[in-house]
C-alpha atoms as a PDB file:
ATOM      1  CA  SER A   1     133.023  70.204  81.421  1.00  0.00           C
ATOM      2  CA  ASN A   2     132.329  70.240  77.871  1.00  0.00           C
ATOM      3  CA  THR A   3     129.513  67.484  78.640  1.00  0.00           C
ATOM      4  CA  LEU A   4     127.790  69.445  81.088  1.00  0.00           C
ATOM      5  CA  GLY A   5     128.298  72.342  78.591  1.00  0.00           C
ATOM      6  CA  SER A   6     126.610  70.342  75.520  1.00  0.00           C
ATOM      7  CA  LEU A   7     123.527  69.443  77.907  1.00  0.00           C
ATOM      8  CA  PHE A   8     122.955  72.926  79.203  1.00  0.00           C
ATOM      9  CA  SER A   9     123.276  74.709  75.544  1.00  0.00           C
ATOM     10  CA  ASN A  10     120.777  71.841  74.078  1.00  0.00           C
ATOM     11  CA  ALA A  11     118.627  72.534  76.847  1.00  0.00           C
ATOM     12  CA  LEU A  12     118.210  76.482  76.869  1.00  0.00           C
ATOM     13  CA  ARG A  13     117.129  76.030  72.967  1.00  0.00           C
ATOM     14  CA  PHE A  14     114.026  74.884  74.518  1.00  0.00           C
ATOM     15  CA  ASP A  15     113.627  77.337  77.163  1.00  0.00           C
ATOM     16  CA  LEU A  16     111.850  79.881  74.978  1.00  0.00           C
ATOM     17  CA  PRO A  17     110.010  83.199  76.337  1.00  0.00           C
ATOM     18  CA  GLU A  18     106.596  84.056  75.993  1.00  0.00           C
ATOM     19  CA  ILE A  19     106.682  86.028  72.442  1.00  0.00           C
ATOM     20  CA  PRO A  20     103.632  86.026  70.155  1.00  0.00           C
ATOM     21  CA  ALA A  21     104.708  83.350  67.972  1.00  0.00           C
ATOM     22  CA  LEU A  22     104.514  80.835  70.711  1.00  0.00           C
ATOM     23  CA  ASP A  23     101.054  82.237  71.930  1.00  0.00           C
ATOM     24  CA  ASN A  24      99.904  82.593  75.394  1.00  0.00           C
ATOM     25  CA  LEU A  25      98.877  80.198  77.629  1.00  0.00           C
ATOM     26  CA  PHE A  26      96.111  82.361  79.565  1.00  0.00           C
ATOM     27  CA  SER A  27      94.444  83.311  76.202  1.00  0.00           C
ATOM     28  CA  PRO A  28      95.591  81.362  73.427  1.00  0.00           C
ATOM     29  CA  CYS A  29      94.741  82.411  69.851  1.00  0.00           C
ATOM     30  CA  GLY A  30      97.871  80.365  67.958  1.00  0.00           C
ATOM     31  CA  ALA A  31     100.291  77.469  68.620  1.00  0.00           C
ATOM     32  CA  ILE A  32      98.534  76.617  71.979  1.00  0.00           C
ATOM     33  CA  GLN A  33      95.136  77.128  70.577  1.00  0.00           C
ATOM     34  CA  ASP A  34      96.180  74.425  67.622  1.00  0.00           C
ATOM     35  CA  ALA A  35      97.226  72.354  70.106  1.00  0.00           C
ATOM     36  CA  GLU A  36      94.117  72.286  72.749  1.00  0.00           C
ATOM     37  CA  SER A  37      92.063  71.944  69.346  1.00  0.00           C
ATOM     38  CA  LEU A  38      94.302  68.343  68.472  1.00  0.00           C
ATOM     39  CA  ALA A  39      94.501  66.944  71.883  1.00  0.00           C
ATOM     40  CA  ALA A  40      90.441  67.725  72.273  1.00  0.00           C
ATOM     41  CA  SER A  41      90.209  65.614  69.218  1.00  0.00           C
ATOM     42  CA  ALA A  42      92.266  63.101  70.206  1.00  0.00           C
ATOM     43  CA  PHE A  43      90.561  62.783  73.423  1.00  0.00           C
ATOM     44  CA  SER A  44      86.901  62.705  72.078  1.00  0.00           C
ATOM     45  CA  PRO A  45      86.990  62.581  68.470  1.00  0.00           C
ATOM     46  CA  ASP A  46      83.238  62.158  68.344  1.00  0.00           C
ATOM     47  CA  LYS A  47      82.123  64.487  70.644  1.00  0.00           C
ATOM     48  CA  PRO A  48      82.854  67.939  70.718  1.00  0.00           C
ATOM     49  CA  ILE A  49      84.766  69.111  73.871  1.00  0.00           C
ATOM     50  CA  ARG A  50      87.122  71.685  75.095  1.00  0.00           C
ATOM     51  CA  THR A  51      90.491  70.883  76.473  1.00  0.00           C
ATOM     52  CA  PHE A  52      92.569  73.723  78.237  1.00  0.00           C
ATOM     53  CA  PHE A  53      95.863  73.044  78.956  1.00  0.00           C
ATOM     54  CA  LEU A  54      97.237  73.465  82.375  1.00  0.00           C
ATOM     55  CA  THR A  55     100.388  74.033  84.630  1.00  0.00           C
ATOM     56  CA  ASN A  56     100.869  72.179  87.983  1.00  0.00           C
ATOM     57  CA  GLY A  57      99.100  69.341  86.849  1.00  0.00           C
ATOM     58  CA  THR A  58      95.340  68.705  87.486  1.00  0.00           C
ATOM     59  CA  THR A  59      96.376  70.847  91.024  1.00  0.00           C
ATOM     60  CA  CYS A  60      95.173  73.583  88.762  1.00  0.00           C
ATOM     61  CA  GLY A  61      92.039  72.310  87.669  1.00  0.00           C
ATOM     62  CA  ILE A  62      90.708  71.144  90.817  1.00  0.00           C
ATOM     63  CA  LEU A  63      91.325  74.804  91.745  1.00  0.00           C
ATOM     64  CA  ALA A  64      90.041  76.560  89.044  1.00  0.00           C
ATOM     65  CA  ALA A  65      86.869  73.807  89.095  1.00  0.00           C
ATOM     66  CA  ILE A  66      86.002  74.236  92.688  1.00  0.00           C
ATOM     67  CA  LEU A  67      86.370  78.086  92.446  1.00  0.00           C
ATOM     68  CA  SER A  68      83.918  78.437  89.563  1.00  0.00           C
ATOM     69  CA  VAL A  69      81.266  76.217  90.664  1.00  0.00           C
ATOM     70  CA  ALA A  70      81.579  78.450  93.853  1.00  0.00           C
ATOM     71  CA  GLN A  71      81.123  81.660  92.271  1.00  0.00           C
ATOM     72  CA  SER A  72      78.952  80.408  89.639  1.00  0.00           C
ATOM     73  CA  LYS A  73      75.402  82.237  89.668  1.00  0.00           C
ATOM     74  CA  ASN A  74      73.643  79.302  90.517  1.00  0.00           C
ATOM     75  CA  SER A  75      75.680  78.681  93.847  1.00  0.00           C
ATOM     76  CA  SER A  76      75.380  81.835  95.391  1.00  0.00           C
ATOM     77  CA  SER A  77      73.250  80.225  98.292  1.00  0.00           C
ATOM     78  CA  ARG A  78      74.957  76.646  98.085  1.00  0.00           C
ATOM     79  CA  LYS A  79      77.550  76.223 100.607  1.00  0.00           C
ATOM     80  CA  TYR A  80      78.629  72.470 100.438  1.00  0.00           C
ATOM     81  CA  MET A  81      80.752  70.286  98.299  1.00  0.00           C
ATOM     82  CA  ILE A  82      80.157  66.509  98.621  1.00  0.00           C
ATOM     83  CA  LEU A  83      83.485  64.795  97.897  1.00  0.00           C
ATOM     84  CA  PRO A  84      85.266  61.638  99.031  1.00  0.00           C
ATOM     85  CA  ARG A  85      87.434  61.086 101.482  1.00  0.00           C
ATOM     86  CA  ASN A  86      90.280  59.943  99.626  1.00  0.00           C
ATOM     87  CA  ILE A  87      90.271  63.247  97.056  1.00  0.00           C
ATOM     88  CA  HIS A  88      93.819  65.619  96.059  1.00  0.00           C
ATOM     89  CA  GLN A  89      94.949  68.179  99.029  1.00  0.00           C
ATOM     90  CA  SER A  90      94.521  70.479  96.345  1.00  0.00           C
ATOM     91  CA  ALA A  91      90.610  70.133  96.699  1.00  0.00           C
ATOM     92  CA  ILE A  92      90.907  70.983 100.318  1.00  0.00           C
ATOM     93  CA  HIS A  93      93.423  74.188  99.370  1.00  0.00           C
ATOM     94  CA  ALA A  94      90.678  75.089  97.082  1.00  0.00           C
ATOM     95  CA  LEU A  95      87.752  74.663  99.374  1.00  0.00           C
ATOM     96  CA  VAL A  96      89.350  76.998 102.039  1.00  0.00           C
ATOM     97  CA  LEU A  97      89.716  79.725  99.110  1.00  0.00           C
ATOM     98  CA  SER A  98      86.130  79.177  97.871  1.00  0.00           C
ATOM     99  CA  GLY A  99      84.621  79.229 101.224  1.00  0.00           C
ATOM    100  CA  LEU A 100      82.769  75.869 100.501  1.00  0.00           C
ATOM    101  CA  HIS A 101      81.998  73.838 103.357  1.00  0.00           C
ATOM    102  CA  PRO A 102      83.106  69.978 102.454  1.00  0.00           C
ATOM    103  CA  ILE A 103      80.639  67.341 103.278  1.00  0.00           C
ATOM    104  CA  PHE A 104      82.906  64.003 102.912  1.00  0.00           C
ATOM    105  CA  ILE A 105      81.812  60.463 101.864  1.00  0.00           C
ATOM    106  CA  GLN A 106      84.186  57.242 103.238  1.00  0.00           C
ATOM    107  CA  PRO A 107      85.038  55.250 100.062  1.00  0.00           C
ATOM    108  CA  ASN A 108      84.617  51.517 100.395  1.00  0.00           C
ATOM    109  CA  PHE A 109      87.862  49.669 101.090  1.00  0.00           C
ATOM    110  CA  ASP A 110      88.852  46.219  99.837  1.00  0.00           C
ATOM    111  CA  THR A 111      90.213  44.228 102.603  1.00  0.00           C
ATOM    112  CA  LYS A 112      91.606  41.958  99.853  1.00  0.00           C
ATOM    113  CA  SER A 113      93.442  44.590  97.601  1.00  0.00           C
ATOM    114  CA  GLN A 114      94.333  46.736 100.342  1.00  0.00           C
ATOM    115  CA  MET A 115      92.950  49.476  97.959  1.00  0.00           C
ATOM    116  CA  ILE A 116      90.271  52.142  98.050  1.00  0.00           C
ATOM    117  CA  HIS A 117      87.534  52.178  95.437  1.00  0.00           C
ATOM    118  CA  GLY A 118      85.186  55.519  94.654  1.00  0.00           C
ATOM    119  CA  ILE A 119      82.073  55.814  96.532  1.00  0.00           C
ATOM    120  CA  LEU A 120      78.768  54.142  95.509  1.00  0.00           C
ATOM    121  CA  PRO A 121      75.848  55.976  93.882  1.00  0.00           C
ATOM    122  CA  ILE A 122      73.779  54.750  97.004  1.00  0.00           C
ATOM    123  CA  GLN A 123      76.289  56.683  99.363  1.00  0.00           C
ATOM    124  CA  LEU A 124      76.017  59.752  97.149  1.00  0.00           C
ATOM    125  CA  ARG A 125      72.035  59.548  97.198  1.00  0.00           C
ATOM    126  CA  GLN A 126      72.281  59.225 100.985  1.00  0.00           C
ATOM    127  CA  THR A 127      74.315  62.359 101.357  1.00  0.00           C
ATOM    128  CA  PHE A 128      72.313  64.581  99.056  1.00  0.00           C
ATOM    129  CA  GLU A 129      69.352  63.218 101.175  1.00  0.00           C
ATOM    130  CA  ASN A 130      70.573  64.302 104.290  1.00  0.00           C
ATOM    131  CA  LEU A 131      71.288  67.932 103.197  1.00  0.00           C
ATOM    132  CA  PRO A 132      68.651  70.639 102.484  1.00  0.00           C
ATOM    133  CA  PHE A 133      67.956  70.696  98.597  1.00  0.00           C
ATOM    134  CA  ASN A 134      70.021  73.136  96.702  1.00  0.00           C
ATOM    135  CA  SER A 135      72.487  73.415  98.863  1.00  0.00           C
ATOM    136  CA  VAL A 136      75.266  71.604  97.282  1.00  0.00           C
ATOM    137  CA  ALA A 137      77.177  73.749  94.955  1.00  0.00           C
ATOM    138  CA  ALA A 138      79.070  70.596  93.160  1.00  0.00           C
ATOM    139  CA  VAL A 139      80.054  67.156  93.573  1.00  0.00           C
ATOM    140  CA  LEU A 140      83.651  66.334  93.166  1.00  0.00           C
ATOM    141  CA  LEU A 141      84.673  62.347  92.554  1.00  0.00           C
ATOM    142  CA  VAL A 142      87.993  60.889  91.459  1.00  0.00           C
ATOM    143  CA  SER A 143      87.940  58.309  88.869  1.00  0.00           C
ATOM    144  CA  PRO A 144      89.791  56.741  88.315  1.00  0.00           C
ATOM    145  CA  THR A 145      91.398  56.458  91.602  1.00  0.00           C
ATOM    146  CA  TYR A 146      95.011  56.608  92.553  1.00  0.00           C
ATOM    147  CA  HIS A 147      95.124  52.836  91.719  1.00  0.00           C
ATOM    148  CA  GLY A 148      93.145  52.598  88.831  1.00  0.00           C
ATOM    149  CA  ILE A 149      90.044  51.819  89.475  1.00  0.00           C
ATOM    150  CA  ALA A 150      86.741  53.434  87.995  1.00  0.00           C
ATOM    151  CA  SER A 151      83.394  54.655  89.514  1.00  0.00           C
ATOM    152  CA  ASP A 152      80.086  54.374  87.937  1.00  0.00           C
ATOM    153  CA  LEU A 153      80.062  58.000  86.535  1.00  0.00           C
ATOM    154  CA  GLN A 154      76.766  57.149  84.658  1.00  0.00           C
ATOM    155  CA  SER A 155      74.549  56.511  88.192  1.00  0.00           C
ATOM    156  CA  LEU A 156      76.755  59.027  89.985  1.00  0.00           C
ATOM    157  CA  ALA A 157      76.549  61.885  87.526  1.00  0.00           C
ATOM    158  CA  GLU A 158      72.285  61.066  87.115  1.00  0.00           C
ATOM    159  CA  ILE A 159      72.046  61.358  90.935  1.00  0.00           C
ATOM    160  CA  ALA A 160      74.039  64.754  91.034  1.00  0.00           C
ATOM    161  CA  HIS A 161      72.119  65.816  88.861  1.00  0.00           C
ATOM    162  CA  GLU A 162      68.510  64.917  89.938  1.00  0.00           C
ATOM    163  CA  PHE A 163      69.553  67.118  92.586  1.00  0.00           C
ATOM    164  CA  GLN A 164      70.903  70.009  90.685  1.00  0.00           C
ATOM    165  CA  SER A 165      74.296  69.855  91.286  1.00  0.00           C
ATOM    166  CA  PRO A 166      77.072  70.090  88.548  1.00  0.00           C
ATOM    167  CA  LEU A 167      79.688  67.261  88.697  1.00  0.00           C
ATOM    168  CA  CYS A 168      83.516  67.343  88.747  1.00  0.00           C
ATOM    169  CA  VAL A 169      85.650  64.752  88.240  1.00  0.00           C
ATOM    170  CA  ASP A 170      89.377  64.308  88.936  1.00  0.00           C
ATOM    171  CA  ALA A 171      90.781  61.932  85.981  1.00  0.00           C
ATOM    172  CA  ALA A 172      94.214  62.692  86.894  1.00  0.00           C
ATOM    173  CA  HIS A 173      94.867  59.374  86.326  1.00  0.00           C
ATOM    174  CA  GLY A 174      92.759  58.279  83.628  1.00  0.00           C
ATOM    175  CA  ALA A 175      94.328  60.082  80.401  1.00  0.00           C
ATOM    176  CA  HIS A 176      95.041  56.942  79.021  1.00  0.00           C
ATOM    177  CA  LEU A 177      91.177  55.660  79.038  1.00  0.00           C
ATOM    178  CA  PRO A 178      90.213  57.464  76.163  1.00  0.00           C
ATOM    179  CA  PHE A 179      92.911  55.775  73.878  1.00  0.00           C
ATOM    180  CA  VAL A 180      91.728  52.043  75.242  1.00  0.00           C
ATOM    181  CA  PRO A 181      89.191  49.813  73.602  1.00  0.00           C
ATOM    182  CA  THR A 182      86.582  49.861  75.926  1.00  0.00           C
ATOM    183  CA  ASP A 183      82.626  50.289  76.087  1.00  0.00           C
ATOM    184  CA  PHE A 184      83.004  53.094  78.723  1.00  0.00           C
ATOM    185  CA  ASP A 185      82.933  56.424  77.405  1.00  0.00           C
ATOM    186  CA  GLU A 186      83.534  59.156  79.974  1.00  0.00           C
ATOM    187  CA  PHE A 187      83.538  61.798  77.526  1.00  0.00           C
ATOM    188  CA  GLU A 188      79.784  60.384  76.536  1.00  0.00           C
ATOM    189  CA  ILE A 189      78.539  60.337  80.304  1.00  0.00           C
ATOM    190  CA  LEU A 190      79.550  63.622  80.636  1.00  0.00           C
ATOM    191  CA  ASP A 191      78.466  65.171  77.914  1.00  0.00           C
ATOM    192  CA  GLU A 192      74.958  64.461  78.804  1.00  0.00           C
ATOM    193  CA  PHE A 193      75.750  67.133  81.721  1.00  0.00           C
ATOM    194  CA  LYS A 194      76.760  70.290  79.968  1.00  0.00           C
ATOM    195  CA  ASP A 195      78.411  71.903  83.099  1.00  0.00           C
ATOM    196  CA  ASP A 196      80.331  68.877  84.199  1.00  0.00           C
ATOM    197  CA  VAL A 197      84.303  69.501  83.755  1.00  0.00           C
ATOM    198  CA  ASP A 198      86.729  66.451  83.530  1.00  0.00           C
ATOM    199  CA  MET A 199      90.456  66.691  84.815  1.00  0.00           C
ATOM    200  CA  LYS A 200      93.433  65.005  83.620  1.00  0.00           C
ATOM    201  CA  HIS A 201      97.200  64.593  83.643  1.00  0.00           C
ATOM    202  CA  VAL A 202      98.957  65.170  80.362  1.00  0.00           C
ATOM    203  CA  LEU A 203     100.038  61.866  78.738  1.00  0.00           C
END
């Protein structure tokens, strides 16, 4: 029908191939690089950060983060990753690909709200203390959770770095937080620890 043809013709105007003028997502040097720089400034106007655009949402970021820490020079003898039970399934896929062994922490369950919270600092510390020193390649957290509950990232980051492990944060559901007036500054916390990574969905 004419209506269907009109819809498709408009949609096809935006179905553009990878040509030099449109840049390359895997090695941006033009429009995408500019857009990533603008996004980084929007997320963190006062602290210099680097933003990478990803395909397939935060799943790709989780895979990249876990594979990166598993293959880093500092992780050659580290075979564990600490993560909560409410982690996204992409983290499990990444563990299989990386060869890291999961050490799961059960987050607290709020019976009143029927929601799972993040893990507590005491839980993370106890987990580290029960493992050989320098055996953890990284810690992966979910903050905020899929129900919007944020963890105490400051305390958790301090513990992770006390045990010399980088911290990765699945913040897929917190892309709006940098734009909400609050005393909580996730990027300021992670900025203290240069090898940490934060992953969000695009707004």
